C-alpha atoms as a PDB file:
ATOM      1  CA  UNK A   1      78.208  46.786 158.225  1.00  0.00           C
ATOM      2  CA  UNK A   2      79.033  44.570 161.296  1.00  0.00           C
ATOM      3  CA  UNK A   3      82.452  46.124 161.640  1.00  0.00           C
ATOM      4  CA  UNK A   4      81.911  46.521 165.508  1.00  0.00           C
ATOM      5  CA  UNK A   5      83.805  49.851 165.457  1.00  0.00           C
ATOM      6  CA  UNK A   6      80.919  51.754 167.147  1.00  0.00           C
ATOM      7  CA  UNK A   7      80.125  49.149 169.905  1.00  0.00           C
ATOM      8  CA  UNK A   8      82.969  50.025 172.296  1.00  0.00           C
ATOM      9  CA  UNK A   9      82.152  53.829 172.121  1.00  0.00           C
ATOM     10  CA  UNK A  10      78.377  53.468 172.512  1.00  0.00           C
ATOM     11  CA  UNK A  11      77.668  55.367 175.835  1.00  0.00           C
ATOM     12  CA  UNK A  12      74.342  53.532 176.341  1.00  0.00           C
ATOM     13  CA  UNK A  13      75.359  49.972 175.068  1.00  0.00           C
ATOM     14  CA  UNK A  14      72.531  50.240 172.442  1.00  0.00           C
ATOM     15  CA  UNK A  15      74.189  48.344 169.680  1.00  0.00           C
ATOM     16  CA  UNK A  16      72.886  45.039 168.997  1.00  0.00           C
ATOM     17  CA  UNK A  17      72.694  42.676 165.905  1.00  0.00           C
ATOM     18  CA  UNK A  18      69.023  42.774 164.658  1.00  0.00           C
ATOM     19  CA  UNK A  19      68.515  39.118 165.967  1.00  0.00           C
ATOM     20  CA  UNK A  20      69.734  40.191 169.408  1.00  0.00           C
ATOM     21  CA  UNK A  21      67.658  43.233 169.999  1.00  0.00           C
ATOM     22  CA  UNK A  22      65.604  42.851 173.294  1.00  0.00           C
ATOM     23  CA  UNK A  23      61.827  42.360 172.721  1.00  0.00           C
ATOM     24  CA  UNK A  24      60.933  45.669 174.537  1.00  0.00           C
ATOM     25  CA  UNK A  25      62.888  47.525 171.905  1.00  0.00           C
ATOM     26  CA  UNK A  26      61.437  45.883 168.845  1.00  0.00           C
ATOM     27  CA  UNK A  27      59.482  48.986 167.910  1.00  0.00           C
ATOM     28  CA  UNK A  28      62.856  50.662 167.204  1.00  0.00           C
ATOM     29  CA  UNK A  29      63.687  48.194 164.498  1.00  0.00           C
ATOM     30  CA  UNK A  30      60.523  48.872 162.798  1.00  0.00           C
ATOM     31  CA  UNK A  31      61.024  52.687 163.206  1.00  0.00           C
ATOM     32  CA  UNK A  32      64.404  52.292 161.601  1.00  0.00           C
ATOM     33  CA  UNK A  33      63.353  50.210 158.708  1.00  0.00           C
ATOM     34  CA  UNK A  34      60.393  52.609 157.877  1.00  0.00           C
ATOM     35  CA  UNK A  35      62.430  55.650 158.316  1.00  0.00           C
ATOM     36  CA  UNK A  36      65.071  54.418 155.905  1.00  0.00           C
ATOM     37  CA  UNK A  37      62.595  52.893 153.398  1.00  0.00           C
ATOM     38  CA  UNK A  38      61.631  56.491 152.645  1.00  0.00           C
ATOM     39  CA  UNK A  39      64.989  58.273 153.078  1.00  0.00           C
ATOM     40  CA  UNK A  40      67.226  55.628 151.398  1.00  0.00           C
ATOM     41  CA  UNK A  41      70.717  54.767 152.540  1.00  0.00           C
ATOM     42  CA  UNK A  42      72.693  58.032 152.841  1.00  0.00           C
ATOM     43  CA  UNK A  43      75.896  56.102 153.736  1.00  0.00           C
ATOM     44  CA  UNK A  44      76.167  58.356 156.833  1.00  0.00           C
ATOM     45  CA  UNK A  45      74.243  61.264 158.283  1.00  0.00           C
ATOM     46  CA  UNK A  46      77.053  63.748 157.713  1.00  0.00           C
ATOM     47  CA  UNK A  47      75.993  64.387 154.074  1.00  0.00           C
ATOM     48  CA  UNK A  48      72.424  65.105 154.989  1.00  0.00           C
ATOM     49  CA  UNK A  49      72.637  67.132 158.082  1.00  0.00           C
ATOM     50  CA  UNK A  50      69.667  67.302 160.540  1.00  0.00           C
ATOM     51  CA  UNK A  51      66.445  66.413 158.685  1.00  0.00           C
ATOM     52  CA  UNK A  52      64.428  68.241 161.080  1.00  0.00           C
ATOM     53  CA  UNK A  53      62.011  65.127 161.611  1.00  0.00           C
ATOM     54  CA  UNK A  54      62.090  61.825 163.327  1.00  0.00           C
ATOM     55  CA  UNK A  55      60.001  58.725 162.787  1.00  0.00           C
ATOM     56  CA  UNK A  56      56.891  58.984 165.138  1.00  0.00           C
ATOM     57  CA  UNK A  57      58.161  56.258 167.432  1.00  0.00           C
ATOM     58  CA  UNK A  58      61.299  58.275 168.165  1.00  0.00           C
ATOM     59  CA  UNK A  59      59.428  61.725 168.215  1.00  0.00           C
ATOM     60  CA  UNK A  60      57.196  60.502 170.981  1.00  0.00           C
ATOM     61  CA  UNK A  61      60.142  60.325 173.478  1.00  0.00           C
ATOM     62  CA  UNK A  62      61.129  63.374 175.500  1.00  0.00           C
ATOM     63  CA  UNK A  63      64.312  65.083 174.364  1.00  0.00           C
ATOM     64  CA  UNK A  64      67.247  64.255 176.669  1.00  0.00           C
ATOM     65  CA  UNK A  65      69.300  66.820 178.071  1.00  0.00           C
ATOM     66  CA  UNK A  66      72.958  66.630 176.878  1.00  0.00           C
ATOM     67  CA  UNK A  67      75.429  65.051 179.204  1.00  0.00           C
ATOM     68  CA  UNK A  68      77.763  67.521 180.881  1.00  0.00           C
END
């Protein structure tokens, strides 16, 4: 999309153009591609809701506690 609307509100500064993703996060690019190859492009998650599953790269991380 490249509109940039999400960039200033991202609380962890995790939004990058694909070519600018730090090398240590390259596995997340692959996880994103593989997840959406199967799912397709839903044009936003709100129409799907929680799918109840994650790509194995994401599922391997501990669940973070919500910020208060």
